[in-house]
C-alpha atoms as a PDB file:
ATOM      1  CA  UNK A   1      -0.009  -0.085  -0.012  1.00  0.00           C
ATOM      2  CA  UNK A   2       1.554   3.292  -1.067  1.00  0.00           C
ATOM      3  CA  UNK A   3       1.284   6.316   1.133  1.00  0.00           C
ATOM      4  CA  UNK A   4       0.699   9.799  -0.233  1.00  0.00           C
ATOM      5  CA  UNK A   5      -0.508  13.195   1.016  1.00  0.00           C
ATOM      6  CA  UNK A   6      -3.988  14.230   0.023  1.00  0.00           C
ATOM      7  CA  UNK A   7      -4.607  17.930   0.391  1.00  0.00           C
ATOM      8  CA  UNK A   8      -8.015  19.392   0.998  1.00  0.00           C
ATOM      9  CA  UNK A   9      -9.302  22.754  -0.068  1.00  0.00           C
ATOM     10  CA  UNK A  10     -10.086  23.978   3.462  1.00  0.00           C
ATOM     11  CA  UNK A  11      -8.236  26.223   5.838  1.00  0.00           C
ATOM     12  CA  UNK A  12      -7.254  25.141   9.350  1.00  0.00           C
ATOM     13  CA  UNK A  13      -9.222  27.986  11.021  1.00  0.00           C
ATOM     14  CA  UNK A  14     -12.536  26.911   9.496  1.00  0.00           C
ATOM     15  CA  UNK A  15     -12.006  23.265  10.169  1.00  0.00           C
ATOM     16  CA  UNK A  16     -11.006  23.911  13.859  1.00  0.00           C
ATOM     17  CA  UNK A  17     -14.169  26.020  14.434  1.00  0.00           C
ATOM     18  CA  UNK A  18     -16.268  23.266  12.795  1.00  0.00           C
ATOM     19  CA  UNK A  19     -14.785  20.708  15.208  1.00  0.00           C
ATOM     20  CA  UNK A  20     -15.515  22.909  18.263  1.00  0.00           C
ATOM     21  CA  UNK A  21     -19.122  23.283  17.083  1.00  0.00           C
ATOM     22  CA  UNK A  22     -19.258  19.550  16.885  1.00  0.00           C
ATOM     23  CA  UNK A  23     -17.963  19.259  20.446  1.00  0.00           C
ATOM     24  CA  UNK A  24     -20.742  21.607  21.652  1.00  0.00           C
ATOM     25  CA  UNK A  25     -23.231  19.532  19.746  1.00  0.00           C
ATOM     26  CA  UNK A  26     -22.350  16.177  21.291  1.00  0.00           C
ATOM     27  CA  UNK A  27     -21.419  17.156  24.819  1.00  0.00           C
ATOM     28  CA  UNK A  28     -23.411  18.821  27.621  1.00  0.00           C
ATOM     29  CA  UNK A  29     -20.467  20.863  28.906  1.00  0.00           C
ATOM     30  CA  UNK A  30     -17.307  21.968  27.088  1.00  0.00           C
ATOM     31  CA  UNK A  31     -14.249  22.932  29.249  1.00  0.00           C
ATOM     32  CA  UNK A  32     -11.010  24.393  27.959  1.00  0.00           C
ATOM     33  CA  UNK A  33      -7.894  23.497  30.011  1.00  0.00           C
ATOM     34  CA  UNK A  34      -5.793  26.726  29.825  1.00  0.00           C
ATOM     35  CA  UNK A  35      -2.018  26.736  30.644  1.00  0.00           C
ATOM     36  CA  UNK A  36      -1.195  30.230  29.425  1.00  0.00           C
ATOM     37  CA  UNK A  37       0.832  29.140  26.447  1.00  0.00           C
ATOM     38  CA  UNK A  38       0.355  30.088  22.805  1.00  0.00           C
ATOM     39  CA  UNK A  39      -1.520  26.953  21.851  1.00  0.00           C
ATOM     40  CA  UNK A  40      -3.995  27.120  24.776  1.00  0.00           C
ATOM     41  CA  UNK A  41      -4.553  30.857  24.174  1.00  0.00           C
ATOM     42  CA  UNK A  42      -5.453  30.183  20.525  1.00  0.00           C
ATOM     43  CA  UNK A  43      -7.752  27.299  21.516  1.00  0.00           C
ATOM     44  CA  UNK A  44      -9.466  29.494  24.201  1.00  0.00           C
ATOM     45  CA  UNK A  45      -9.986  32.207  21.674  1.00  0.00           C
ATOM     46  CA  UNK A  46     -11.454  29.792  19.094  1.00  0.00           C
ATOM     47  CA  UNK A  47     -13.814  28.356  21.625  1.00  0.00           C
ATOM     48  CA  UNK A  48     -14.906  31.839  22.666  1.00  0.00           C
ATOM     49  CA  UNK A  49     -15.680  32.709  19.078  1.00  0.00           C
ATOM     50  CA  UNK A  50     -17.735  29.515  18.679  1.00  0.00           C
ATOM     51  CA  UNK A  51     -19.524  30.286  22.016  1.00  0.00           C
ATOM     52  CA  UNK A  52     -20.432  33.749  20.823  1.00  0.00           C
ATOM     53  CA  UNK A  53     -21.776  32.324  17.480  1.00  0.00           C
ATOM     54  CA  UNK A  54     -23.916  29.904  19.529  1.00  0.00           C
ATOM     55  CA  UNK A  55     -25.236  32.764  21.768  1.00  0.00           C
ATOM     56  CA  UNK A  56     -23.411  31.643  24.819  1.00  0.00           C
ATOM     57  CA  UNK A  57     -22.247  34.293  27.378  1.00  0.00           C
ATOM     58  CA  UNK A  58     -19.221  32.476  28.779  1.00  0.00           C
ATOM     59  CA  UNK A  59     -16.699  29.624  28.193  1.00  0.00           C
ATOM     60  CA  UNK A  60     -15.847  27.152  30.860  1.00  0.00           C
ATOM     61  CA  UNK A  61     -12.050  27.282  31.361  1.00  0.00           C
ATOM     62  CA  UNK A  62      -9.679  25.762  33.917  1.00  0.00           C
ATOM     63  CA  UNK A  63      -6.245  27.256  34.459  1.00  0.00           C
ATOM     64  CA  UNK A  64      -3.634  24.526  34.911  1.00  0.00           C
ATOM     65  CA  UNK A  65       0.078  25.195  35.019  1.00  0.00           C
ATOM     66  CA  UNK A  66       2.657  22.806  36.450  1.00  0.00           C
ATOM     67  CA  UNK A  67       4.920  25.548  37.797  1.00  0.00           C
ATOM     68  CA  UNK A  68       2.180  26.672  40.203  1.00  0.00           C
ATOM     69  CA  UNK A  69       1.511  23.252  41.641  1.00  0.00           C
ATOM     70  CA  UNK A  70       2.462  22.963  45.312  1.00  0.00           C
ATOM     71  CA  UNK A  71       4.236  19.839  46.440  1.00  0.00           C
ATOM     72  CA  UNK A  72       3.805  19.125  50.197  1.00  0.00           C
END
């Protein structure tokens, strides 16, 4: 079986927002785990855009960063 790349005519931004809409469709609650890094900032912003499109007033987010964890 040969392997090859198959490109689609869609941009990553639209596909990501479509996937987030799908998550809101199939789950009762959507929560974003936010670490403060670039990736989680982008994800939080995309989820906020989708939430606004769906008429929601907030996004559930949890801040989780390993440097701030206390070890007893």
